[in-house]
C-alpha atoms as a PDB file:
ATOM      1  CA  MET A   1     -10.689   9.940   9.981  1.00  0.00           C
ATOM      2  CA  LYS A   2     -10.989   8.037   6.722  1.00  0.00           C
ATOM      3  CA  VAL A   3      -7.893   6.597   5.114  1.00  0.00           C
ATOM      4  CA  ALA A   4      -6.711   5.291   1.783  1.00  0.00           C
ATOM      5  CA  PHE A   5      -4.450   2.383   2.706  1.00  0.00           C
ATOM      6  CA  LEU A   6      -1.944   1.913  -0.103  1.00  0.00           C
ATOM      7  CA  ASP A   7       0.294  -0.982  -0.896  1.00  0.00           C
ATOM      8  CA  ARG A   8       3.644   0.412  -2.038  1.00  0.00           C
ATOM      9  CA  ASP A   9       5.193  -1.855  -4.673  1.00  0.00           C
ATOM     10  CA  GLY A  10       3.013  -2.043  -7.776  1.00  0.00           C
ATOM     11  CA  VAL A  11       0.651   0.677  -6.547  1.00  0.00           C
ATOM     12  CA  ILE A  12       2.857   3.700  -5.837  1.00  0.00           C
ATOM     13  CA  ASN A  13       5.981   2.527  -7.617  1.00  0.00           C
ATOM     14  CA  LYS A  14       6.475   0.205 -10.550  1.00  0.00           C
ATOM     15  CA  GLU A  15       6.826  -3.377  -9.402  1.00  0.00           C
ATOM     16  CA  ILE A  16      10.436  -4.423  -8.934  1.00  0.00           C
ATOM     17  CA  ASN A  17      11.021  -7.402  -6.692  1.00  0.00           C
ATOM     18  CA  TYR A  18      12.690  -6.281  -3.470  1.00  0.00           C
ATOM     19  CA  LEU A  19      12.972  -2.634  -4.476  1.00  0.00           C
ATOM     20  CA  HIS A  20      15.471  -0.875  -2.203  1.00  0.00           C
ATOM     21  CA  LYS A  21      17.634   1.244  -4.503  1.00  0.00           C
ATOM     22  CA  ILE A  22      16.610   4.793  -5.347  1.00  0.00           C
ATOM     23  CA  GLU A  23      17.982   4.457  -8.876  1.00  0.00           C
ATOM     24  CA  ASP A  24      15.558   1.570  -9.525  1.00  0.00           C
ATOM     25  CA  PHE A  25      12.505   3.567  -8.438  1.00  0.00           C
ATOM     26  CA  SER A  26       9.824   5.032 -10.681  1.00  0.00           C
ATOM     27  CA  TYR A  27       6.228   5.987  -9.931  1.00  0.00           C
ATOM     28  CA  THR A  28       3.321   4.181 -11.528  1.00  0.00           C
ATOM     29  CA  VAL A  29       1.468   6.134 -14.230  1.00  0.00           C
ATOM     30  CA  ASN A  30      -0.080   9.345 -12.829  1.00  0.00           C
ATOM     31  CA  CYS A  31       0.566   8.180  -9.261  1.00  0.00           C
ATOM     32  CA  ILE A  32       1.160  11.664  -7.842  1.00  0.00           C
ATOM     33  CA  SER A  33      -2.045  12.988  -9.429  1.00  0.00           C
ATOM     34  CA  GLY A  34      -3.935   9.999  -8.029  1.00  0.00           C
ATOM     35  CA  LEU A  35      -2.581  10.560  -4.531  1.00  0.00           C
ATOM     36  CA  LYS A  36      -3.581  14.231  -4.698  1.00  0.00           C
ATOM     37  CA  LYS A  37      -7.079  13.262  -5.890  1.00  0.00           C
ATOM     38  CA  LEU A  38      -7.435  10.880  -2.948  1.00  0.00           C
ATOM     39  CA  ASN A  39      -6.424  13.712  -0.591  1.00  0.00           C
ATOM     40  CA  GLY A  40      -8.938  15.977  -2.316  1.00  0.00           C
ATOM     41  CA  LEU A  41     -11.643  13.387  -1.630  1.00  0.00           C
ATOM     42  CA  GLY A  42     -10.838  13.596   2.081  1.00  0.00           C
ATOM     43  CA  PHE A  43      -8.636  10.534   2.450  1.00  0.00           C
ATOM     44  CA  GLU A  44      -5.514  10.548   4.595  1.00  0.00           C
ATOM     45  CA  LEU A  45      -2.823   8.353   3.014  1.00  0.00           C
ATOM     46  CA  ILE A  46      -1.168   5.428   4.776  1.00  0.00           C
ATOM     47  CA  VAL A  47       1.255   3.027   3.097  1.00  0.00           C
ATOM     48  CA  VAL A  48       1.072  -0.589   4.301  1.00  0.00           C
ATOM     49  CA  THR A  49       3.778  -2.693   2.694  1.00  0.00           C
ATOM     50  CA  ASN A  50       5.246  -6.171   3.132  1.00  0.00           C
ATOM     51  CA  GLN A  51       9.029  -5.963   2.955  1.00  0.00           C
ATOM     52  CA  ALA A  52      10.221  -9.573   3.058  1.00  0.00           C
ATOM     53  CA  GLY A  53      13.571  -8.505   1.600  1.00  0.00           C
ATOM     54  CA  LEU A  54      14.569  -7.539   5.142  1.00  0.00           C
ATOM     55  CA  ALA A  55      13.857 -11.030   6.520  1.00  0.00           C
ATOM     56  CA  LYS A  56      15.460 -12.664   3.512  1.00  0.00           C
ATOM     57  CA  GLY A  57      18.653 -10.602   3.865  1.00  0.00           C
ATOM     58  CA  ILE A  58      18.285  -9.124   0.370  1.00  0.00           C
ATOM     59  CA  PHE A  59      18.677  -5.604   1.744  1.00  0.00           C
ATOM     60  CA  SER A  60      19.647  -4.182   5.099  1.00  0.00           C
ATOM     61  CA  GLU A  61      17.649  -2.108   7.558  1.00  0.00           C
ATOM     62  CA  LYS A  62      19.863   0.843   6.615  1.00  0.00           C
ATOM     63  CA  ASP A  63      19.117   0.313   2.895  1.00  0.00           C
ATOM     64  CA  PHE A  64      15.388   0.211   3.644  1.00  0.00           C
ATOM     65  CA  GLN A  65      15.507   3.265   5.899  1.00  0.00           C
ATOM     66  CA  THR A  66      17.517   5.287   3.361  1.00  0.00           C
ATOM     67  CA  PHE A  67      15.120   4.362   0.563  1.00  0.00           C
ATOM     68  CA  SER A  68      11.989   5.036   2.653  1.00  0.00           C
ATOM     69  CA  GLU A  69      13.233   8.430   3.844  1.00  0.00           C
ATOM     70  CA  TRP A  70      14.041   9.382   0.254  1.00  0.00           C
ATOM     71  CA  LEU A  71      10.573   8.282  -0.910  1.00  0.00           C
ATOM     72  CA  LEU A  72       8.828  10.336   1.780  1.00  0.00           C
ATOM     73  CA  ARG A  73      10.904  13.417   0.838  1.00  0.00           C
ATOM     74  CA  ASP A  74      10.195  12.897  -2.852  1.00  0.00           C
ATOM     75  CA  LEU A  75       6.455  12.565  -2.246  1.00  0.00           C
ATOM     76  CA  ALA A  76       6.538  15.725  -0.110  1.00  0.00           C
ATOM     77  CA  SER A  77       8.381  17.578  -2.890  1.00  0.00           C
ATOM     78  CA  HIS A  78       5.366  16.768  -5.092  1.00  0.00           C
ATOM     79  CA  GLY A  79       2.932  18.040  -2.441  1.00  0.00           C
ATOM     80  CA  VAL A  80       1.951  14.602  -1.116  1.00  0.00           C
ATOM     81  CA  GLU A  81       2.155  13.958   2.629  1.00  0.00           C
ATOM     82  CA  LEU A  82       1.570  10.537   4.125  1.00  0.00           C
ATOM     83  CA  CYS A  83      -0.206  10.141   7.430  1.00  0.00           C
ATOM     84  CA  ASP A  84       1.891   7.030   8.110  1.00  0.00           C
ATOM     85  CA  TYR A  85       4.245   4.547   6.452  1.00  0.00           C
ATOM     86  CA  ILE A  86       3.914   1.071   7.943  1.00  0.00           C
ATOM     87  CA  PHE A  87       5.929  -1.950   6.879  1.00  0.00           C
ATOM     88  CA  CYS A  88       6.216  -5.590   7.818  1.00  0.00           C
ATOM     89  CA  PRO A  89       9.813  -6.885   7.761  1.00  0.00           C
ATOM     90  CA  HIS A  90       8.824 -10.487   8.525  1.00  0.00           C
ATOM     91  CA  HIS A  91       8.766 -13.660   6.502  1.00  0.00           C
ATOM     92  CA  PRO A  92       8.569 -17.176   7.975  1.00  0.00           C
ATOM     93  CA  GLU A  93      11.267 -18.390   5.571  1.00  0.00           C
ATOM     94  CA  GLY A  94      13.684 -15.530   6.193  1.00  0.00           C
ATOM     95  CA  VAL A  95      17.360 -15.850   7.010  1.00  0.00           C
ATOM     96  CA  ILE A  96      17.542 -12.933   9.472  1.00  0.00           C
ATOM     97  CA  GLN A  97      16.474 -14.612  12.698  1.00  0.00           C
ATOM     98  CA  ARG A  98      14.576 -11.746  14.365  1.00  0.00           C
ATOM     99  CA  TYR A  99      12.460 -11.287  11.213  1.00  0.00           C
ATOM    100  CA  SER A 100      11.965 -14.980  10.429  1.00  0.00           C
ATOM    101  CA  ILE A 101       8.589 -15.340  12.096  1.00  0.00           C
ATOM    102  CA  ASP A 102       4.964 -15.938  11.196  1.00  0.00           C
ATOM    103  CA  CYS A 103       3.659 -12.564  12.385  1.00  0.00           C
ATOM    104  CA  ASP A 104       0.251 -10.896  12.517  1.00  0.00           C
ATOM    105  CA  CYS A 105       1.293  -7.931  10.365  1.00  0.00           C
ATOM    106  CA  ARG A 106       2.307  -9.598   7.105  1.00  0.00           C
ATOM    107  CA  LYS A 107      -0.519  -9.305   4.608  1.00  0.00           C
ATOM    108  CA  PRO A 108      -2.885 -11.155   4.150  1.00  0.00           C
ATOM    109  CA  LYS A 109      -3.062 -10.804   7.944  1.00  0.00           C
ATOM    110  CA  PRO A 110      -4.520  -7.469   9.082  1.00  0.00           C
ATOM    111  CA  GLY A 111      -1.955  -6.378  11.693  1.00  0.00           C
ATOM    112  CA  MET A 112      -0.606  -3.304   9.882  1.00  0.00           C
ATOM    113  CA  LEU A 113      -4.149  -2.068   9.249  1.00  0.00           C
ATOM    114  CA  THR A 114      -5.425  -2.707  12.766  1.00  0.00           C
ATOM    115  CA  SER A 115      -2.388  -1.047  14.361  1.00  0.00           C
ATOM    116  CA  ALA A 116      -2.968   1.995  12.130  1.00  0.00           C
ATOM    117  CA  ARG A 117      -6.626   2.035  13.178  1.00  0.00           C
ATOM    118  CA  LYS A 118      -5.668   2.166  16.853  1.00  0.00           C
ATOM    119  CA  LYS A 119      -2.882   4.698  16.376  1.00  0.00           C
ATOM    120  CA  HIS A 120      -4.870   7.143  14.223  1.00  0.00           C
ATOM    121  CA  LYS A 121      -8.500   6.481  15.289  1.00  0.00           C
ATOM    122  CA  ILE A 122      -9.471   5.487  11.756  1.00  0.00           C
ATOM    123  CA  ASN A 123     -13.047   4.875  10.645  1.00  0.00           C
ATOM    124  CA  MET A 124     -12.365   1.606   8.831  1.00  0.00           C
ATOM    125  CA  GLN A 125     -15.804   1.398   7.199  1.00  0.00           C
ATOM    126  CA  ASP A 126     -15.261   4.768   5.467  1.00  0.00           C
ATOM    127  CA  SER A 127     -11.717   3.828   4.466  1.00  0.00           C
ATOM    128  CA  ILE A 128     -10.387   2.094   1.359  1.00  0.00           C
ATOM    129  CA  LEU A 129      -7.433  -0.069   0.422  1.00  0.00           C
ATOM    130  CA  ILE A 130      -5.680  -0.067  -2.937  1.00  0.00           C
ATOM    131  CA  GLY A 131      -3.463  -3.060  -3.622  1.00  0.00           C
ATOM    132  CA  ASP A 132      -2.104  -5.182  -6.416  1.00  0.00           C
ATOM    133  CA  LYS A 133      -2.504  -8.653  -4.909  1.00  0.00           C
ATOM    134  CA  ILE A 134      -5.328 -10.657  -3.401  1.00  0.00           C
ATOM    135  CA  SER A 135      -3.404 -10.758  -0.108  1.00  0.00           C
ATOM    136  CA  ASP A 136      -3.887  -6.969   0.117  1.00  0.00           C
ATOM    137  CA  ILE A 137      -7.651  -7.382  -0.281  1.00  0.00           C
ATOM    138  CA  GLN A 138      -7.750 -10.221   2.249  1.00  0.00           C
ATOM    139  CA  ALA A 139      -5.982  -8.054   4.842  1.00  0.00           C
ATOM    140  CA  ALA A 140      -8.447  -5.221   4.219  1.00  0.00           C
ATOM    141  CA  LYS A 141     -11.462  -7.516   4.654  1.00  0.00           C
ATOM    142  CA  ARG A 142     -10.047  -8.964   7.871  1.00  0.00           C
ATOM    143  CA  ALA A 143      -9.470  -5.440   9.222  1.00  0.00           C
ATOM    144  CA  GLY A 144     -12.968  -4.236   8.326  1.00  0.00           C
ATOM    145  CA  VAL A 145     -11.919  -1.768   5.613  1.00  0.00           C
ATOM    146  CA  GLY A 146     -15.028  -0.555   3.782  1.00  0.00           C
ATOM    147  CA  ARG A 147     -13.923  -0.903   0.145  1.00  0.00           C
ATOM    148  CA  SER A 148     -10.936  -2.384  -1.646  1.00  0.00           C
ATOM    149  CA  TYR A 149      -9.541  -1.976  -5.149  1.00  0.00           C
ATOM    150  CA  LEU A 150      -6.981  -3.870  -7.174  1.00  0.00           C
ATOM    151  CA  VAL A 151      -4.648  -2.265  -9.677  1.00  0.00           C
ATOM    152  CA  ALA A 152      -3.095  -3.979 -12.676  1.00  0.00           C
ATOM    153  CA  SER A 153       0.102  -1.912 -12.399  1.00  0.00           C
ATOM    154  CA  GLY A 154       1.821  -4.430 -10.118  1.00  0.00           C
ATOM    155  CA  HIS A 155       1.565  -8.203  -9.866  1.00  0.00           C
ATOM    156  CA  GLU A 156      -0.253 -10.110 -12.576  1.00  0.00           C
ATOM    157  CA  LEU A 157      -3.910 -10.572 -11.768  1.00  0.00           C
ATOM    158  CA  ASN A 158      -6.041 -13.615 -12.515  1.00  0.00           C
ATOM    159  CA  ALA A 159      -9.103 -13.452 -14.746  1.00  0.00           C
ATOM    160  CA  ASN A 160     -11.457 -13.819 -11.759  1.00  0.00           C
ATOM    161  CA  ASP A 161      -9.816 -11.267  -9.463  1.00  0.00           C
ATOM    162  CA  HIS A 162     -12.385  -8.652 -10.513  1.00  0.00           C
ATOM    163  CA  LEU A 163     -14.945 -10.777  -8.639  1.00  0.00           C
ATOM    164  CA  ILE A 164     -13.087 -10.101  -5.390  1.00  0.00           C
ATOM    165  CA  ALA A 165     -12.523  -6.367  -5.872  1.00  0.00           C
ATOM    166  CA  PRO A 166     -12.901  -3.812  -8.672  1.00  0.00           C
ATOM    167  CA  VAL A 167      -9.804  -3.769 -10.897  1.00  0.00           C
ATOM    168  CA  CYS A 168      -8.399  -0.535 -12.336  1.00  0.00           C
ATOM    169  CA  THR A 169      -5.314   0.023 -14.459  1.00  0.00           C
ATOM    170  CA  ASN A 170      -3.500   2.006 -11.740  1.00  0.00           C
ATOM    171  CA  LEU A 171      -3.951   4.120  -8.606  1.00  0.00           C
ATOM    172  CA  PHE A 172      -4.892   7.202 -10.604  1.00  0.00           C
ATOM    173  CA  GLU A 173      -7.820   5.358 -12.207  1.00  0.00           C
ATOM    174  CA  VAL A 174      -9.040   4.251  -8.762  1.00  0.00           C
ATOM    175  CA  ALA A 175      -8.984   7.906  -7.644  1.00  0.00           C
ATOM    176  CA  VAL A 176     -10.937   8.973 -10.752  1.00  0.00           C
ATOM    177  CA  LEU A 177     -13.479   6.189 -10.129  1.00  0.00           C
ATOM    178  CA  LEU A 178     -13.933   7.338  -6.526  1.00  0.00           C
ATOM    179  CA  GLU A 179     -14.208  10.975  -7.617  1.00  0.00           C
ATOM    180  CA  ASN A 180     -16.929  10.088 -10.137  1.00  0.00           C
ATOM    181  CA  GLN A 181     -18.798   8.001  -7.548  1.00  0.00           C
ATOM    182  CA  SER A 182     -18.702  10.860  -5.017  1.00  0.00           C
ATOM    183  CA  GLN A 183     -20.385  13.178  -7.516  1.00  0.00           C
ATOM    184  CA  PHE A 184     -23.446  10.919  -7.513  1.00  0.00           C
ATOM    185  CA  CYS A 185     -23.747  10.437  -3.730  1.00  0.00           C
END
């Protein structure tokens, strides 16, 4: 199976630090259309997201679970099903003791991606990652993901980030780029 690994904040939803309230949520431009295009290109969709707000005590596990369940239902109501939704609750400087660790799953480390590979038998070379930070791209490279893309709809990118991965305005534009490339293969 080939997968589009997706960072959540800044890729699927507009970047809001420590997003955990439904009323603060909004999709990035043409996100739903982009997700459907990725599905149409044969990609299963897996979210891989750092959620340091749990370790830092900014929101509770219940807050995160409520928000995540709502997001999955909302995506489904738009005809988008995720293969998996993986999150890292850890941060070495957290205040919640069980989450205050230096783990292997927090991007830029590849743990979320490698656990998904094992769980779903993913062909990493045929898979892609779409993120909004260099740490997303670093995790993808460490996990052996075939191609990575940055989007400018989340965190501010540096002038040289396009040297590390192609930069598109948002997830939809990545999907259009991939669709156009597939027509020439």
